[in-house]
């Protein structure tokens, strides 16, 4: 099950491409700590990765339709 913040981060990365955690925090008007936790959770799931410039983007082949909620 995905959280609202996780869904918002994924949507922002789909539109924006490579974004830093600070930019994501600013655009979503959320705390840096919460965004960082979501980004690292996405990384663990293989949905996103961070490059050498600390920019986050969706992993290749991970661009898929929105997740459907289960019952």
PDB file of N, CA and C in Angstrom:
ATOM      1  N   UNK A   1       0.844  -1.170   0.000  1.00  0.00           N
ATOM      2  CA  UNK A   1       0.000   0.000   0.000  1.00  0.00           C
ATOM      3  C   UNK A   1       0.895   1.241   0.000  1.00  0.00           C
ATOM      4  N   UNK A   2       0.574   2.183  -0.841  1.00  0.00           N
ATOM      5  CA  UNK A   2       1.395   3.383  -0.942  1.00  0.00           C
ATOM      6  C   UNK A   2       0.757   4.535  -0.182  1.00  0.00           C
ATOM      7  N   UNK A   3       1.592   5.378   0.347  1.00  0.00           N
ATOM      8  CA  UNK A   3       1.097   6.547   1.058  1.00  0.00           C
ATOM      9  C   UNK A   3       0.820   7.673   0.069  1.00  0.00           C
ATOM     10  N   UNK A   4       0.121   8.664   0.526  1.00  0.00           N
ATOM     11  CA  UNK A   4      -0.174   9.814  -0.321  1.00  0.00           C
ATOM     12  C   UNK A   4       1.104  10.535  -0.707  1.00  0.00           C
ATOM     13  N   UNK A   5       2.018  10.682   0.233  1.00  0.00           N
ATOM     14  CA  UNK A   5       3.279  11.360  -0.061  1.00  0.00           C
ATOM     15  C   UNK A   5       4.093  10.567  -1.079  1.00  0.00           C
ATOM     16  N   UNK A   6       4.094   9.253  -0.954  1.00  0.00           N
ATOM     17  CA  UNK A   6       4.818   8.422  -1.909  1.00  0.00           C
ATOM     18  C   UNK A   6       4.225   8.571  -3.314  1.00  0.00           C
ATOM     19  N   UNK A   7       2.922   8.594  -3.413  1.00  0.00           N
ATOM     20  CA  UNK A   7       2.250   8.795  -4.699  1.00  0.00           C
ATOM     21  C   UNK A   7       2.594  10.159  -5.279  1.00  0.00           C
ATOM     22  N   UNK A   8       2.618  11.186  -4.427  1.00  0.00           N
ATOM     23  CA  UNK A   8       2.958  12.537  -4.887  1.00  0.00           C
ATOM     24  C   UNK A   8       4.412  12.629  -5.357  1.00  0.00           C
ATOM     25  N   UNK A   9       5.313  11.962  -4.643  1.00  0.00           N
ATOM     26  CA  UNK A   9       6.720  11.976  -5.039  1.00  0.00           C
ATOM     27  C   UNK A   9       6.890  11.284  -6.386  1.00  0.00           C
ATOM     28  N   UNK A  10       6.244  10.131  -6.566  1.00  0.00           N
ATOM     29  CA  UNK A  10       6.326   9.422  -7.843  1.00  0.00           C
ATOM     30  C   UNK A  10       5.762  10.264  -8.980  1.00  0.00           C
ATOM     31  N   UNK A  11       4.639  10.935  -8.736  1.00  0.00           N
ATOM     32  CA  UNK A  11       4.036  11.786  -9.766  1.00  0.00           C
ATOM     33  C   UNK A  11       4.966  12.940 -10.123  1.00  0.00           C
ATOM     34  N   UNK A  12       5.611  13.515  -9.128  1.00  0.00           N
ATOM     35  CA  UNK A  12       6.534  14.615  -9.367  1.00  0.00           C
ATOM     36  C   UNK A  12       7.761  14.145 -10.142  1.00  0.00           C
ATOM     37  N   UNK A  13       8.259  12.970  -9.820  1.00  0.00           N
ATOM     38  CA  UNK A  13       9.409  12.434 -10.540  1.00  0.00           C
ATOM     39  C   UNK A  13       9.052  12.057 -11.979  1.00  0.00           C
ATOM     40  N   UNK A  14       7.843  11.611 -12.202  1.00  0.00           N
ATOM     41  CA  UNK A  14       7.417  11.289 -13.567  1.00  0.00           C
ATOM     42  C   UNK A  14       7.408  12.530 -14.439  1.00  0.00           C
ATOM     43  N   UNK A  15       6.930  13.636 -13.877  1.00  0.00           N
ATOM     44  CA  UNK A  15       6.879  14.897 -14.618  1.00  0.00           C
ATOM     45  C   UNK A  15       8.232  15.574 -14.704  1.00  0.00           C
ATOM     46  N   UNK A  16       8.947  15.596 -13.574  1.00  0.00           N
ATOM     47  CA  UNK A  16      10.132  16.426 -13.476  1.00  0.00           C
ATOM     48  C   UNK A  16      11.448  15.782 -13.845  1.00  0.00           C
ATOM     49  N   UNK A  17      11.477  14.474 -13.954  1.00  0.00           N
ATOM     50  CA  UNK A  17      12.743  13.829 -14.282  1.00  0.00           C
ATOM     51  C   UNK A  17      13.676  13.771 -13.096  1.00  0.00           C
ATOM     52  N   UNK A  18      14.843  14.388 -13.200  1.00  0.00           N
ATOM     53  CA  UNK A  18      15.851  14.329 -12.144  1.00  0.00           C
ATOM     54  C   UNK A  18      15.701  15.524 -11.204  1.00  0.00           C
ATOM     55  N   UNK A  19      15.334  15.243  -9.955  1.00  0.00           N
ATOM     56  CA  UNK A  19      15.124  16.290  -8.961  1.00  0.00           C
ATOM     57  C   UNK A  19      15.853  15.944  -7.672  1.00  0.00           C
ATOM     58  N   UNK A  20      16.360  16.961  -6.999  1.00  0.00           N
ATOM     59  CA  UNK A  20      16.995  16.740  -5.698  1.00  0.00           C
ATOM     60  C   UNK A  20      15.908  16.614  -4.632  1.00  0.00           C
ATOM     61  N   UNK A  21      16.293  16.073  -3.491  1.00  0.00           N
ATOM     62  CA  UNK A  21      15.349  15.927  -2.385  1.00  0.00           C
ATOM     63  C   UNK A  21      14.853  17.297  -1.915  1.00  0.00           C
ATOM     64  N   UNK A  22      15.723  18.300  -1.945  1.00  0.00           N
ATOM     65  CA  UNK A  22      15.309  19.642  -1.543  1.00  0.00           C
ATOM     66  C   UNK A  22      14.250  20.206  -2.480  1.00  0.00           C
ATOM     67  N   UNK A  23      14.406  19.976  -3.775  1.00  0.00           N
ATOM     68  CA  UNK A  23      13.422  20.445  -4.750  1.00  0.00           C
ATOM     69  C   UNK A  23      12.085  19.737  -4.556  1.00  0.00           C
ATOM     70  N   UNK A  24      12.139  18.443  -4.319  1.00  0.00           N
ATOM     71  CA  UNK A  24      10.912  17.681  -4.075  1.00  0.00           C
ATOM     72  C   UNK A  24      10.231  18.184  -2.811  1.00  0.00           C
ATOM     73  N   UNK A  25      11.014  18.423  -1.768  1.00  0.00           N
ATOM     74  CA  UNK A  25      10.475  18.941  -0.508  1.00  0.00           C
ATOM     75  C   UNK A  25       9.779  20.280  -0.721  1.00  0.00           C
ATOM     76  N   UNK A  26      10.417  21.154  -1.481  1.00  0.00           N
ATOM     77  CA  UNK A  26       9.858  22.476  -1.755  1.00  0.00           C
ATOM     78  C   UNK A  26       8.560  22.366  -2.566  1.00  0.00           C
ATOM     79  N   UNK A  27       8.575  21.549  -3.612  1.00  0.00           N
ATOM     80  CA  UNK A  27       7.403  21.429  -4.480  1.00  0.00           C
ATOM     81  C   UNK A  27       6.209  20.787  -3.793  1.00  0.00           C
ATOM     82  N   UNK A  28       6.460  19.881  -2.865  1.00  0.00           N
ATOM     83  CA  UNK A  28       5.370  19.204  -2.169  1.00  0.00           C
ATOM     84  C   UNK A  28       5.012  19.855  -0.840  1.00  0.00           C
ATOM     85  N   UNK A  29       5.764  20.879  -0.460  1.00  0.00           N
ATOM     86  CA  UNK A  29       5.520  21.585   0.795  1.00  0.00           C
ATOM     87  C   UNK A  29       5.446  20.592   1.970  1.00  0.00           C
ATOM     88  N   UNK A  30       6.461  19.762   2.056  1.00  0.00           N
ATOM     89  CA  UNK A  30       6.535  18.749   3.094  1.00  0.00           C
ATOM     90  C   UNK A  30       7.860  18.895   3.824  1.00  0.00           C
ATOM     91  N   UNK A  31       8.037  18.101   4.871  1.00  0.00           N
ATOM     92  CA  UNK A  31       9.299  18.172   5.609  1.00  0.00           C
ATOM     93  C   UNK A  31      10.372  17.360   4.896  1.00  0.00           C
ATOM     94  N   UNK A  32      11.615  17.786   5.031  1.00  0.00           N
ATOM     95  CA  UNK A  32      12.754  17.119   4.395  1.00  0.00           C
ATOM     96  C   UNK A  32      12.878  15.682   4.890  1.00  0.00           C
ATOM     97  N   UNK A  33      12.608  15.483   6.163  1.00  0.00           N
ATOM     98  CA  UNK A  33      12.710  14.167   6.776  1.00  0.00           C
ATOM     99  C   UNK A  33      11.723  13.185   6.146  1.00  0.00           C
ATOM    100  N   UNK A  34      10.471  13.596   5.981  1.00  0.00           N
ATOM    101  CA  UNK A  34       9.443  12.718   5.399  1.00  0.00           C
ATOM    102  C   UNK A  34       9.765  12.381   3.945  1.00  0.00           C
ATOM    103  N   UNK A  35      10.189  13.377   3.179  1.00  0.00           N
ATOM    104  CA  UNK A  35      10.520  13.150   1.770  1.00  0.00           C
ATOM    105  C   UNK A  35      11.722  12.212   1.660  1.00  0.00           C
ATOM    106  N   UNK A  36      12.706  12.386   2.509  1.00  0.00           N
ATOM    107  CA  UNK A  36      13.881  11.527   2.499  1.00  0.00           C
ATOM    108  C   UNK A  36      13.506  10.078   2.780  1.00  0.00           C
ATOM    109  N   UNK A  37      12.634   9.862   3.746  1.00  0.00           N
ATOM    110  CA  UNK A  37      12.174   8.500   4.064  1.00  0.00           C
ATOM    111  C   UNK A  37      11.452   7.867   2.888  1.00  0.00           C
ATOM    112  N   UNK A  38      10.605   8.641   2.217  1.00  0.00           N
ATOM    113  CA  UNK A  38       9.872   8.126   1.058  1.00  0.00           C
ATOM    114  C   UNK A  38      10.827   7.797  -0.078  1.00  0.00           C
ATOM    115  N   UNK A  39      11.792   8.680  -0.340  1.00  0.00           N
ATOM    116  CA  UNK A  39      12.752   8.425  -1.417  1.00  0.00           C
ATOM    117  C   UNK A  39      13.561   7.156  -1.164  1.00  0.00           C
ATOM    118  N   UNK A  40      13.980   6.948   0.066  1.00  0.00           N
ATOM    119  CA  UNK A  40      14.756   5.752   0.380  1.00  0.00           C
ATOM    120  C   UNK A  40      13.888   4.493   0.326  1.00  0.00           C
ATOM    121  N   UNK A  41      12.616   4.611   0.662  1.00  0.00           N
ATOM    122  CA  UNK A  41      11.697   3.479   0.516  1.00  0.00           C
ATOM    123  C   UNK A  41      11.500   3.139  -0.962  1.00  0.00           C
ATOM    124  N   UNK A  42      11.372   4.158  -1.805  1.00  0.00           N
ATOM    125  CA  UNK A  42      11.256   3.928  -3.246  1.00  0.00           C
ATOM    126  C   UNK A  42      12.525   3.283  -3.797  1.00  0.00           C
ATOM    127  N   UNK A  43      13.668   3.691  -3.259  1.00  0.00           N
ATOM    128  CA  UNK A  43      14.943   3.105  -3.677  1.00  0.00           C
ATOM    129  C   UNK A  43      15.015   1.627  -3.300  1.00  0.00           C
ATOM    130  N   UNK A  44      14.605   1.303  -2.082  1.00  0.00           N
ATOM    131  CA  UNK A  44      14.608  -0.092  -1.636  1.00  0.00           C
ATOM    132  C   UNK A  44      13.686  -0.958  -2.485  1.00  0.00           C
ATOM    133  N   UNK A  45      12.566  -0.377  -2.936  1.00  0.00           N
ATOM    134  CA  UNK A  45      11.605  -1.114  -3.768  1.00  0.00           C
ATOM    135  C   UNK A  45      12.039  -1.190  -5.228  1.00  0.00           C
ATOM    136  N   UNK A  46      13.072  -0.448  -5.587  1.00  0.00           N
ATOM    137  CA  UNK A  46      13.545  -0.448  -6.961  1.00  0.00           C
ATOM    138  C   UNK A  46      12.798   0.503  -7.877  1.00  0.00           C
ATOM    139  N   UNK A  47      12.002   1.392  -7.295  1.00  0.00           N
ATOM    140  CA  UNK A  47      11.198   2.325  -8.091  1.00  0.00           C
ATOM    141  C   UNK A  47      11.960   3.589  -8.464  1.00  0.00           C
ATOM    142  N   UNK A  48      12.974   3.960  -7.693  1.00  0.00           N
ATOM    143  CA  UNK A  48      13.716   5.198  -7.949  1.00  0.00           C
ATOM    144  C   UNK A  48      15.175   4.999  -7.558  1.00  0.00           C
ATOM    145  N   UNK A  49      16.027   5.866  -8.094  1.00  0.00           N
ATOM    146  CA  UNK A  49      17.436   5.827  -7.715  1.00  0.00           C
ATOM    147  C   UNK A  49      18.000   7.237  -7.690  1.00  0.00           C
ATOM    148  N   UNK A  50      19.146   7.367  -7.039  1.00  0.00           N
ATOM    149  CA  UNK A  50      19.821   8.649  -6.880  1.00  0.00           C
ATOM    150  C   UNK A  50      21.127   8.606  -7.659  1.00  0.00           C
ATOM    151  N   UNK A  51      21.379   9.644  -8.472  1.00  0.00           N
ATOM    152  CA  UNK A  51      22.633   9.686  -9.227  1.00  0.00           C
ATOM    153  C   UNK A  51      23.731  10.360  -8.410  1.00  0.00           C
ATOM    154  N   UNK A  52      24.891  10.561  -9.014  1.00  0.00           N
ATOM    155  CA  UNK A  52      26.038  11.134  -8.300  1.00  0.00           C
ATOM    156  C   UNK A  52      25.819  12.575  -7.868  1.00  0.00           C
ATOM    157  N   UNK A  53      24.917  13.261  -8.512  1.00  0.00           N
ATOM    158  CA  UNK A  53      24.633  14.664  -8.177  1.00  0.00           C
ATOM    159  C   UNK A  53      23.493  14.803  -7.176  1.00  0.00           C
ATOM    160  N   UNK A  54      23.140  13.709  -6.526  1.00  0.00           N
ATOM    161  CA  UNK A  54      22.065  13.677  -5.527  1.00  0.00           C
ATOM    162  C   UNK A  54      20.714  14.017  -6.132  1.00  0.00           C
ATOM    163  N   UNK A  55      20.533  13.670  -7.401  1.00  0.00           N
ATOM    164  CA  UNK A  55      19.251  13.875  -8.064  1.00  0.00           C
ATOM    165  C   UNK A  55      18.529  12.534  -8.139  1.00  0.00           C
ATOM    166  N   UNK A  56      17.248  12.563  -7.863  1.00  0.00           N
ATOM    167  CA  UNK A  56      16.445  11.349  -7.873  1.00  0.00           C
ATOM    168  C   UNK A  56      15.668  11.263  -9.171  1.00  0.00           C
ATOM    169  N   UNK A  57      15.472  10.038  -9.651  1.00  0.00           N
ATOM    170  CA  UNK A  57      14.642   9.814 -10.819  1.00  0.00           C
ATOM    171  C   UNK A  57      14.061   8.408 -10.760  1.00  0.00           C
ATOM    172  N   UNK A  58      13.043   8.176 -11.559  1.00  0.00           N
ATOM    173  CA  UNK A  58      12.404   6.869 -11.603  1.00  0.00           C
ATOM    174  C   UNK A  58      13.335   5.905 -12.320  1.00  0.00           C
ATOM    175  N   UNK A  59      13.419   4.688 -11.822  1.00  0.00           N
ATOM    176  CA  UNK A  59      14.267   3.668 -12.428  1.00  0.00           C
ATOM    177  C   UNK A  59      13.767   3.317 -13.815  1.00  0.00           C
ATOM    178  N   UNK A  60      14.680   2.969 -14.704  1.00  0.00           N
ATOM    179  CA  UNK A  60      14.321   2.574 -16.067  1.00  0.00           C
ATOM    180  C   UNK A  60      13.406   1.359 -16.014  1.00  0.00           C
ATOM    181  N   UNK A  61      12.356   1.403 -16.786  1.00  0.00           N
ATOM    182  CA  UNK A  61      11.405   0.296 -16.813  1.00  0.00           C
ATOM    183  C   UNK A  61      10.396   0.335 -15.691  1.00  0.00           C
ATOM    184  N   UNK A  62      10.497   1.311 -14.806  1.00  0.00           N
ATOM    185  CA  UNK A  62       9.571   1.402 -13.687  1.00  0.00           C
ATOM    186  C   UNK A  62       8.428   2.372 -13.953  1.00  0.00           C
ATOM    187  N   UNK A  63       8.437   3.014 -15.092  1.00  0.00           N
ATOM    188  CA  UNK A  63       7.342   3.930 -15.406  1.00  0.00           C
ATOM    189  C   UNK A  63       6.134   3.094 -15.778  1.00  0.00           C
ATOM    190  N   UNK A  64       5.215   3.021 -14.878  1.00  0.00           N
ATOM    191  CA  UNK A  64       4.048   2.170 -15.058  1.00  0.00           C
ATOM    192  C   UNK A  64       2.799   2.930 -14.627  1.00  0.00           C
ATOM    193  N   UNK A  65       1.638   2.407 -14.946  1.00  0.00           N
ATOM    194  CA  UNK A  65       0.409   3.095 -14.522  1.00  0.00           C
ATOM    195  C   UNK A  65       0.325   3.175 -13.006  1.00  0.00           C
ATOM    196  N   UNK A  66      -0.478   4.085 -12.539  1.00  0.00           N
ATOM    197  CA  UNK A  66      -0.653   4.255 -11.097  1.00  0.00           C
ATOM    198  C   UNK A  66      -1.053   2.934 -10.444  1.00  0.00           C
ATOM    199  N   UNK A  67      -0.544   2.717  -9.246  1.00  0.00           N
ATOM    200  CA  UNK A  67      -0.865   1.501  -8.526  1.00  0.00           C
ATOM    201  C   UNK A  67      -2.335   1.521  -8.125  1.00  0.00           C
ATOM    202  N   UNK A  68      -2.966   0.387  -8.261  1.00  0.00           N
ATOM    203  CA  UNK A  68      -4.357   0.279  -7.866  1.00  0.00           C
ATOM    204  C   UNK A  68      -4.407  -0.191  -6.421  1.00  0.00           C
ATOM    205  N   UNK A  69      -5.352   0.358  -5.682  1.00  0.00           N
ATOM    206  CA  UNK A  69      -5.478  -0.054  -4.304  1.00  0.00           C
ATOM    207  C   UNK A  69      -6.120  -1.432  -4.256  1.00  0.00           C
ATOM    208  N   UNK A  70      -5.743  -2.188  -3.261  1.00  0.00           N
ATOM    209  CA  UNK A  70      -6.333  -3.516  -3.106  1.00  0.00           C
ATOM    210  C   UNK A  70      -7.558  -3.406  -2.231  1.00  0.00           C
ATOM    211  N   UNK A  71      -8.573  -4.021  -2.653  1.00  0.00           N
ATOM    212  CA  UNK A  71      -9.865  -4.037  -1.971  1.00  0.00           C
ATOM    213  C   UNK A  71      -9.928  -3.071  -0.902  1.00  0.00           C
TER     214      UNK A  71
END
